[in-house]
C-alpha atoms as a PDB file:
ATOM      1  CA  MET A   1       0.000   0.000   0.000  1.00  0.00           C
ATOM      2  CA  ASP A   2       1.316   3.457  -0.957  1.00  0.00           C
ATOM      3  CA  SER A   3       2.331   5.443   2.144  1.00  0.00           C
ATOM      4  CA  MET A   4      -0.121   8.289   1.364  1.00  0.00           C
ATOM      5  CA  THR A   5      -3.218   6.268   0.418  1.00  0.00           C
ATOM      6  CA  PHE A   6      -5.717   4.269   2.385  1.00  0.00           C
ATOM      7  CA  GLU A   7      -7.480   1.027   1.619  1.00  0.00           C
ATOM      8  CA  ILE A   8     -11.166   0.295   2.204  1.00  0.00           C
ATOM      9  CA  ARG A   9     -11.796  -3.325   3.117  1.00  0.00           C
ATOM     10  CA  LYS A  10     -15.157  -4.946   2.430  1.00  0.00           C
ATOM     11  CA  PRO A  11     -16.916  -7.693   4.426  1.00  0.00           C
ATOM     12  CA  GLY A  12     -15.870 -10.352   1.865  1.00  0.00           C
ATOM     13  CA  GLN A  13     -12.240  -9.749   2.913  1.00  0.00           C
ATOM     14  CA  TYR A  14     -12.863 -10.490   6.616  1.00  0.00           C
ATOM     15  CA  LYS A  15     -12.307 -13.806   8.398  1.00  0.00           C
ATOM     16  CA  THR A  16     -15.197 -14.978  10.573  1.00  0.00           C
ATOM     17  CA  SER A  17     -14.794 -17.873  12.999  1.00  0.00           C
ATOM     18  CA  GLN A  18     -16.662 -19.514  15.855  1.00  0.00           C
ATOM     19  CA  TRP A  19     -15.757 -19.123  19.526  1.00  0.00           C
ATOM     20  CA  SER A  20     -17.540 -20.530  22.594  1.00  0.00           C
ATOM     21  CA  GLY A  21     -19.966 -17.570  22.837  1.00  0.00           C
ATOM     22  CA  GLY A  22     -20.745 -16.950  19.165  1.00  0.00           C
ATOM     23  CA  THR A  23     -18.743 -15.607  16.221  1.00  0.00           C
ATOM     24  CA  THR A  24     -15.811 -13.242  15.796  1.00  0.00           C
ATOM     25  CA  THR A  25     -14.976 -11.317  12.645  1.00  0.00           C
ATOM     26  CA  GLU A  26     -11.386 -10.239  12.094  1.00  0.00           C
ATOM     27  CA  LEU A  27     -11.489  -6.805  10.444  1.00  0.00           C
ATOM     28  CA  TYR A  28      -7.713  -6.333  10.274  1.00  0.00           C
ATOM     29  CA  ILE A  29      -4.598  -8.029  11.619  1.00  0.00           C
ATOM     30  CA  TYR A  30      -1.022  -6.780  11.371  1.00  0.00           C
ATOM     31  CA  PRO A  31       1.312  -7.896  10.061  1.00  0.00           C
ATOM     32  CA  GLU A  32      -0.799  -9.408   7.325  1.00  0.00           C
ATOM     33  CA  GLY A  33      -0.368 -13.160   7.285  1.00  0.00           C
ATOM     34  CA  SER A  34      -0.113 -13.382  11.071  1.00  0.00           C
ATOM     35  CA  SER A  35      -2.837 -15.134  13.057  1.00  0.00           C
ATOM     36  CA  LEU A  36      -4.647 -15.067  16.353  1.00  0.00           C
ATOM     37  CA  GLN A  37      -3.952 -18.766  16.865  1.00  0.00           C
ATOM     38  CA  ASN A  38      -0.181 -18.334  16.491  1.00  0.00           C
ATOM     39  CA  LEU A  39      -0.118 -15.143  18.583  1.00  0.00           C
ATOM     40  CA  ASP A  40       2.361 -13.683  16.083  1.00  0.00           C
ATOM     41  CA  PHE A  41       0.456 -10.443  15.408  1.00  0.00           C
ATOM     42  CA  GLN A  42       1.285  -6.929  16.613  1.00  0.00           C
ATOM     43  CA  PHE A  43      -2.365  -5.893  16.640  1.00  0.00           C
ATOM     44  CA  ARG A  44      -5.744  -7.355  15.718  1.00  0.00           C
ATOM     45  CA  ILE A  45      -9.042  -5.528  15.307  1.00  0.00           C
ATOM     46  CA  SER A  46     -12.306  -7.445  15.352  1.00  0.00           C
ATOM     47  CA  THR A  47     -15.973  -7.492  16.183  1.00  0.00           C
ATOM     48  CA  ALA A  48     -17.746 -10.331  17.944  1.00  0.00           C
ATOM     49  CA  ARG A  49     -21.309 -11.448  18.353  1.00  0.00           C
ATOM     50  CA  VAL A  50     -21.951 -12.847  21.811  1.00  0.00           C
ATOM     51  CA  GLU A  51     -24.983 -15.053  21.186  1.00  0.00           C
ATOM     52  CA  ILE A  52     -25.435 -16.735  24.562  1.00  0.00           C
ATOM     53  CA  GLU A  53     -26.261 -15.091  27.884  1.00  0.00           C
ATOM     54  CA  GLU A  54     -23.083 -16.252  29.677  1.00  0.00           C
ATOM     55  CA  SER A  55     -19.816 -17.039  27.926  1.00  0.00           C
ATOM     56  CA  SER A  56     -16.102 -17.355  28.651  1.00  0.00           C
ATOM     57  CA  PHE A  57     -13.526 -15.441  26.667  1.00  0.00           C
ATOM     58  CA  THR A  58     -10.563 -17.264  25.168  1.00  0.00           C
ATOM     59  CA  VAL A  59      -7.352 -16.701  27.159  1.00  0.00           C
ATOM     60  CA  PHE A  60      -4.575 -14.971  25.185  1.00  0.00           C
ATOM     61  CA  PRO A  61      -1.284 -14.767  27.154  1.00  0.00           C
ATOM     62  CA  GLY A  62       0.764 -11.628  26.528  1.00  0.00           C
ATOM     63  CA  VAL A  63      -2.112  -9.820  24.810  1.00  0.00           C
ATOM     64  CA  LYS A  64      -3.576  -6.470  25.923  1.00  0.00           C
ATOM     65  CA  ARG A  65      -7.255  -5.996  25.085  1.00  0.00           C
ATOM     66  CA  ILE A  66      -9.688  -3.115  24.778  1.00  0.00           C
ATOM     67  CA  ILE A  67     -13.330  -4.061  24.347  1.00  0.00           C
ATOM     68  CA  PHE A  68     -16.698  -2.323  24.270  1.00  0.00           C
ATOM     69  CA  PRO A  69     -20.252  -3.083  23.171  1.00  0.00           C
ATOM     70  CA  LEU A  70     -21.453  -1.679  19.886  1.00  0.00           C
ATOM     71  CA  GLN A  71     -24.982  -2.989  20.545  1.00  0.00           C
ATOM     72  CA  GLY A  72     -26.370  -4.201  23.861  1.00  0.00           C
ATOM     73  CA  GLU A  73     -24.898  -4.142  27.354  1.00  0.00           C
ATOM     74  CA  MET A  74     -22.493  -6.577  28.969  1.00  0.00           C
ATOM     75  CA  ASN A  75     -20.938  -7.429  32.297  1.00  0.00           C
ATOM     76  CA  LEU A  76     -17.338  -8.617  32.312  1.00  0.00           C
ATOM     77  CA  ILE A  77     -15.971 -10.578  35.252  1.00  0.00           C
ATOM     78  CA  HIS A  78     -12.184 -11.074  35.402  1.00  0.00           C
ATOM     79  CA  ASP A  79     -10.750 -13.803  37.624  1.00  0.00           C
ATOM     80  CA  ASP A  80     -13.977 -13.864  39.726  1.00  0.00           C
ATOM     81  CA  ASP A  81     -13.687 -10.124  40.581  1.00  0.00           C
ATOM     82  CA  LYS A  82     -16.566  -7.676  40.785  1.00  0.00           C
ATOM     83  CA  PRO A  83     -18.520  -7.359  37.484  1.00  0.00           C
ATOM     84  CA  ILE A  84     -17.736  -4.426  35.201  1.00  0.00           C
ATOM     85  CA  HIS A  85     -20.878  -3.154  33.476  1.00  0.00           C
ATOM     86  CA  LEU A  86     -20.432  -1.734  29.966  1.00  0.00           C
ATOM     87  CA  LYS A  87     -23.022   0.168  27.936  1.00  0.00           C
ATOM     88  CA  PRO A  88     -22.571   0.841  24.211  1.00  0.00           C
ATOM     89  CA  TYR A  89     -19.273   2.622  23.455  1.00  0.00           C
ATOM     90  CA  GLU A  90     -17.982   2.349  27.060  1.00  0.00           C
ATOM     91  CA  GLN A  91     -14.448   0.923  26.802  1.00  0.00           C
ATOM     92  CA  HIS A  92     -12.674  -1.480  29.096  1.00  0.00           C
ATOM     93  CA  SER A  93      -8.986  -2.542  28.980  1.00  0.00           C
ATOM     94  CA  PHE A  94      -7.726  -5.815  30.421  1.00  0.00           C
ATOM     95  CA  ALA A  95      -5.002  -8.441  30.145  1.00  0.00           C
ATOM     96  CA  GLY A  96      -5.744 -11.217  27.671  1.00  0.00           C
ATOM     97  CA  ASP A  97      -4.481 -13.834  30.124  1.00  0.00           C
ATOM     98  CA  SER A  98      -7.330 -13.041  32.580  1.00  0.00           C
ATOM     99  CA  ILE A  99     -10.025 -15.653  33.053  1.00  0.00           C
ATOM    100  CA  THR A 100     -12.918 -13.531  31.750  1.00  0.00           C
ATOM    101  CA  LYS A 101     -16.635 -14.231  31.770  1.00  0.00           C
ATOM    102  CA  CYS A 102     -19.146 -12.201  29.782  1.00  0.00           C
ATOM    103  CA  ILE A 103     -22.785 -11.880  30.772  1.00  0.00           C
ATOM    104  CA  GLY A 104     -25.092 -10.441  28.134  1.00  0.00           C
ATOM    105  CA  LYS A 105     -25.809 -10.864  24.442  1.00  0.00           C
ATOM    106  CA  VAL A 106     -23.993  -8.106  22.536  1.00  0.00           C
ATOM    107  CA  THR A 107     -22.113  -7.139  19.443  1.00  0.00           C
ATOM    108  CA  ASP A 108     -18.731  -5.874  20.606  1.00  0.00           C
ATOM    109  CA  PHE A 109     -15.577  -4.280  19.235  1.00  0.00           C
ATOM    110  CA  ASN A 110     -12.121  -5.579  20.186  1.00  0.00           C
ATOM    111  CA  LEU A 111      -8.569  -4.308  19.886  1.00  0.00           C
ATOM    112  CA  MET A 112      -5.809  -6.753  20.794  1.00  0.00           C
ATOM    113  CA  THR A 113      -2.176  -5.634  20.954  1.00  0.00           C
ATOM    114  CA  ARG A 114       1.089  -7.381  21.754  1.00  0.00           C
ATOM    115  CA  GLY A 115       4.541  -6.225  22.787  1.00  0.00           C
ATOM    116  CA  ASN A 116       5.091  -2.467  22.886  1.00  0.00           C
ATOM    117  CA  ILE A 117       2.144  -1.711  20.609  1.00  0.00           C
ATOM    118  CA  LYS A 118      -0.442   0.583  22.180  1.00  0.00           C
ATOM    119  CA  GLY A 119      -3.718   1.704  20.715  1.00  0.00           C
ATOM    120  CA  THR A 120      -6.451   4.216  21.419  1.00  0.00           C
ATOM    121  CA  ILE A 121     -10.053   4.014  20.320  1.00  0.00           C
ATOM    122  CA  GLU A 122     -12.461   6.860  19.622  1.00  0.00           C
ATOM    123  CA  VAL A 123     -16.111   6.496  18.614  1.00  0.00           C
ATOM    124  CA  ILE A 124     -17.218   9.155  16.120  1.00  0.00           C
ATOM    125  CA  GLN A 125     -20.932   9.771  15.627  1.00  0.00           C
ATOM    126  CA  LEU A 126     -22.001  11.909  12.662  1.00  0.00           C
ATOM    127  CA  GLN A 127     -25.390  13.235  11.569  1.00  0.00           C
ATOM    128  CA  PRO A 128     -26.441  13.506   7.899  1.00  0.00           C
ATOM    129  CA  ASP A 129     -24.536  16.269   6.065  1.00  0.00           C
ATOM    130  CA  GLU A 130     -22.062  16.649   8.947  1.00  0.00           C
ATOM    131  CA  GLN A 131     -18.428  16.932   7.839  1.00  0.00           C
ATOM    132  CA  ILE A 132     -15.239  16.526   9.859  1.00  0.00           C
ATOM    133  CA  SER A 133     -11.546  16.308   9.054  1.00  0.00           C
ATOM    134  CA  VAL A 134      -9.547  13.422  10.468  1.00  0.00           C
ATOM    135  CA  ILE A 135      -5.781  13.013  10.542  1.00  0.00           C
ATOM    136  CA  LEU A 136      -4.742   9.458   9.760  1.00  0.00           C
ATOM    137  CA  GLU A 137      -1.475   8.069  11.091  1.00  0.00           C
ATOM    138  CA  ASN A 138      -1.380   4.287  11.602  1.00  0.00           C
ATOM    139  CA  THR A 139      -5.164   4.406  11.750  1.00  0.00           C
ATOM    140  CA  VAL A 140      -7.964   1.904  11.188  1.00  0.00           C
ATOM    141  CA  ILE A 141     -11.570   3.134  11.007  1.00  0.00           C
ATOM    142  CA  TYR A 142     -14.501   0.713  11.182  1.00  0.00           C
ATOM    143  CA  CYS A 143     -17.898   1.909   9.970  1.00  0.00           C
ATOM    144  CA  PHE A 144     -20.355   0.261  12.352  1.00  0.00           C
ATOM    145  CA  MET A 145     -23.316   1.917  10.672  1.00  0.00           C
ATOM    146  CA  GLY A 146     -24.052   4.597   8.107  1.00  0.00           C
ATOM    147  CA  GLN A 147     -22.674   5.944   4.876  1.00  0.00           C
ATOM    148  CA  ILE A 148     -19.708   8.303   4.511  1.00  0.00           C
ATOM    149  CA  ARG A 149     -18.170   9.981   1.488  1.00  0.00           C
ATOM    150  CA  ILE A 150     -14.361  10.373   1.478  1.00  0.00           C
ATOM    151  CA  ASP A 151     -13.162  12.294  -1.568  1.00  0.00           C
ATOM    152  CA  ASN A 152     -14.763  10.329  -4.408  1.00  0.00           C
ATOM    153  CA  GLN A 153     -15.190   7.092  -2.459  1.00  0.00           C
ATOM    154  CA  ASN A 154     -18.104   5.685  -0.505  1.00  0.00           C
ATOM    155  CA  PHE A 155     -17.403   4.157   2.896  1.00  0.00           C
ATOM    156  CA  GLY A 156     -20.303   2.362   4.551  1.00  0.00           C
ATOM    157  CA  THR A 157     -21.684  -0.048   7.096  1.00  0.00           C
ATOM    158  CA  ASN A 158     -19.342  -2.913   8.002  1.00  0.00           C
ATOM    159  CA  GLU A 159     -16.425  -1.591   5.957  1.00  0.00           C
ATOM    160  CA  THR A 160     -12.948  -0.848   7.334  1.00  0.00           C
ATOM    161  CA  LEU A 161     -10.568   1.898   6.258  1.00  0.00           C
ATOM    162  CA  VAL A 162      -6.895   1.010   6.770  1.00  0.00           C
ATOM    163  CA  TYR A 163      -4.060   3.550   6.683  1.00  0.00           C
ATOM    164  CA  HIS A 164      -0.800   1.989   7.815  1.00  0.00           C
ATOM    165  CA  SER A 165       1.862   4.713   7.667  1.00  0.00           C
ATOM    166  CA  VAL A 166       3.600   7.128  10.036  1.00  0.00           C
ATOM    167  CA  ASP A 167       3.177   9.867   7.386  1.00  0.00           C
ATOM    168  CA  ALA A 168       0.102  11.883   8.388  1.00  0.00           C
ATOM    169  CA  LEU A 169      -2.771  12.088   5.899  1.00  0.00           C
ATOM    170  CA  THR A 170      -5.781  14.382   6.430  1.00  0.00           C
ATOM    171  CA  ILE A 171      -9.124  13.248   5.032  1.00  0.00           C
ATOM    172  CA  LYS A 172     -12.619  14.751   5.152  1.00  0.00           C
ATOM    173  CA  LEU A 173     -15.487  12.537   6.259  1.00  0.00           C
ATOM    174  CA  ASN A 174     -18.823  13.670   4.803  1.00  0.00           C
ATOM    175  CA  ALA A 175     -21.787  11.886   6.388  1.00  0.00           C
ATOM    176  CA  ILE A 176     -24.491  10.901   3.915  1.00  0.00           C
ATOM    177  CA  SER A 177     -26.574   9.294   6.681  1.00  0.00           C
ATOM    178  CA  ARG A 178     -26.372   8.990  10.462  1.00  0.00           C
ATOM    179  CA  SER A 179     -23.068   7.168  11.006  1.00  0.00           C
ATOM    180  CA  VAL A 180     -21.114   5.547  13.802  1.00  0.00           C
ATOM    181  CA  LEU A 181     -17.377   5.063  13.214  1.00  0.00           C
ATOM    182  CA  VAL A 182     -14.781   3.429  15.443  1.00  0.00           C
ATOM    183  CA  MET A 183     -11.320   4.958  14.946  1.00  0.00           C
ATOM    184  CA  VAL A 184      -8.290   3.035  16.203  1.00  0.00           C
ATOM    185  CA  VAL A 185      -4.921   4.817  16.281  1.00  0.00           C
ATOM    186  CA  LEU A 186      -1.853   2.638  16.834  1.00  0.00           C
END
């Protein structure tokens, strides 16, 4: 990928797999070709559907996680501690080697990092005809819902914009409809 361009990934490019509580969809993993199973990634961005009322998360040693519900509410219980209640867009960070239980049926968003990689997540909500400028620098943006125009390109529900470069690039997001975006900066 050219250092000053971004890529828009479509749902057909994602990997979806089963886990004990439902399904997980890998939106982007870096470096490409790495895998969750081999734990050889630097970062992984995914969504998950928790389809049963009580489930146990897979343990991932050496992985830092940030999670939040996109739809629904959930309680997370780490190592039999006090439950942590999360409403949509409320983030929670935890160690991937924790024994973690989830109570609640939700669709959630996950960022997993390894080593010295750190990430921040911002939820951007736009109304129709609203326009904002965003500076991309090692940035991944997931469109949870809505339709956005970026230059001459459409960017819509369940698509992921990937910009993997330390060279800053400013883009304008023009909302065509009410939109919810999740921006991850690494």
